[in-house]
Protein backbone atom coordinates (compact mmCIF):
# COMPACT_ATOMS: atom_id res chain seq x y z
CA MET A 1 74.98 115.78 81.51
CA ASN A 2 78.42 116.80 80.31
CA CYS A 3 81.16 115.13 82.33
CA SER A 4 84.62 116.28 81.41
CA ILE A 5 87.46 114.57 83.26
CA ASP A 6 90.73 116.38 83.88
CA TYR A 7 93.19 113.52 83.41
CA ALA A 8 96.15 115.88 83.83
CA GLU A 9 94.93 116.80 87.31
CA ILE A 10 94.42 113.14 88.22
CA GLY A 11 97.95 112.36 87.04
CA LYS A 12 99.31 115.28 89.03
CA ARG A 13 97.56 114.07 92.19
CA ILE A 14 98.88 110.52 91.71
CA LYS A 15 102.40 111.89 91.34
CA GLU A 16 101.99 114.06 94.46
CA PHE A 17 100.87 111.11 96.58
CA ARG A 18 103.57 108.87 95.07
CA THR A 19 106.40 111.32 95.75
CA HIS A 20 105.04 112.08 99.23
CA LYS A 21 105.38 108.36 99.99
CA HIS A 22 108.90 108.39 98.47
CA LEU A 23 107.89 105.87 95.82
CA THR A 24 109.35 105.65 92.35
CA GLN A 25 107.07 105.04 89.42
CA ALA A 26 108.45 101.49 89.28
CA ALA A 27 107.66 100.92 92.96
CA LEU A 28 104.11 102.22 92.54
CA ALA A 29 103.72 100.03 89.46
CA GLU A 30 104.76 96.98 91.45
CA LEU A 31 102.47 97.81 94.39
CA SER A 32 99.50 98.47 92.12
CA GLN A 33 100.25 95.69 89.60
CA VAL A 34 100.23 98.25 86.78
CA GLU A 35 102.91 98.45 84.08
CA PRO A 36 105.61 101.04 84.97
CA SER A 37 105.19 102.75 81.59
CA ASN A 38 101.46 103.06 82.31
CA ILE A 39 102.19 104.92 85.57
CA SER A 40 104.33 107.38 83.62
CA HIS A 41 101.64 107.82 80.96
CA ILE A 42 98.94 108.38 83.60
CA GLU A 43 101.00 110.95 85.50
CA ARG A 44 101.66 112.87 82.27
CA ALA A 45 98.04 112.48 81.10
CA ALA A 46 99.33 110.80 77.96
CA THR A 47 96.64 108.17 78.48
CA LYS A 48 93.19 108.06 80.04
CA VAL A 49 93.31 106.02 83.21
CA SER A 50 90.58 103.39 83.57
CA LEU A 51 88.55 103.00 86.74
CA PRO A 52 90.02 99.56 87.60
CA THR A 53 93.55 100.94 87.20
CA LEU A 54 92.70 104.03 89.23
CA ILE A 55 91.39 101.81 92.03
CA LYS A 56 94.59 99.73 91.99
CA ILE A 57 96.68 102.90 92.21
CA ALA A 58 94.55 104.39 94.99
CA ASN A 59 94.85 101.17 97.00
CA ALA A 60 98.62 101.04 96.45
CA LEU A 61 98.94 104.67 97.59
CA GLU A 62 96.54 104.04 100.49
CA VAL A 63 94.29 106.94 99.50
CA SER A 64 90.64 107.14 98.56
CA LEU A 65 89.48 107.59 95.00
CA ASP A 66 87.99 110.98 95.80
CA GLU A 67 91.42 112.17 96.94
CA LEU A 68 92.72 111.42 93.45
CA VAL A 69 89.79 112.78 91.45
CA TYR A 70 88.28 115.41 93.77
CA GLN A 71 88.81 118.33 91.40
CA ASN A 72 86.61 116.51 88.89
CA LEU A 73 83.77 116.18 91.42
CA LYS A 74 81.00 118.68 92.06
CA LYS A 75 80.87 117.85 95.75
CA CYS A 76 84.43 117.74 97.03
CA GLU A 77 84.66 120.17 99.94
CA HIS A 78 85.44 117.34 102.37
CA VAL A 79 88.62 116.43 100.50
CA SER A 80 89.79 120.03 100.26
CA ASN A 81 89.05 120.60 103.93
CA ALA A 82 90.96 117.46 104.91
CA ARG A 83 93.98 118.57 102.86
CA ILE A 84 93.90 122.04 104.40
CA ASN A 85 93.60 120.59 107.92
CA ALA A 86 96.55 118.27 107.29
CA LEU A 87 98.67 121.17 106.04
CA LEU A 88 97.79 123.33 109.05
CA SER A 89 98.04 120.61 111.69
CA ASP A 90 101.64 121.37 112.71
CA CYS A 91 101.55 125.18 112.38
CA THR A 92 102.25 127.55 115.23
CA GLY A 93 99.77 130.27 116.15
CA GLU A 94 101.92 132.83 114.36
CA GLU A 95 102.06 130.68 111.21
CA LEU A 96 98.30 130.18 111.30
CA SER A 97 97.73 133.94 111.53
CA ALA A 98 100.00 134.56 108.55
CA ILE A 99 98.33 131.83 106.52
CA LEU A 100 94.89 133.19 107.38
CA ALA A 101 95.93 136.63 106.12
CA VAL A 102 97.15 135.10 102.84
CA ILE A 103 93.89 133.16 102.42
CA GLU A 104 91.76 136.24 103.09
CA THR A 105 93.75 138.32 100.59
CA THR A 106 93.71 135.58 97.95
CA LYS A 107 89.95 135.11 98.33
CA ALA A 108 89.35 138.85 97.97
CA VAL A 109 91.51 139.02 94.83
CA LEU A 110 89.80 136.01 93.24
CA ARG A 111 86.34 137.39 93.93
CA SER A 112 87.22 140.83 92.63
CA LYS A 113 88.07 139.31 89.23
CA LYS A 114 84.58 137.86 88.72
């Protein structure tokens, strides 16, 4: 079984969660007990993050591992659905209708390119 890991995507997700929590790389490093330079390297995919380090970071960010690595997983619909629900949770009916139209159009375009 070929298992390719997208470390750039994992780094991007860590940075998204970190910035959403208004944490600096130094603050995340302190919370997770990981060297600040290592946080930078992980976010830029300049290094491959180990499982123990990833767990420390996930715990510091108060997120699950699958939220950090979900795009590397075959079965990840639950994470995507949770993210979509969180994004839509404060939308008005009008906003939801507009977003639905964008999703339908995007889906049609993506499928037409197959």
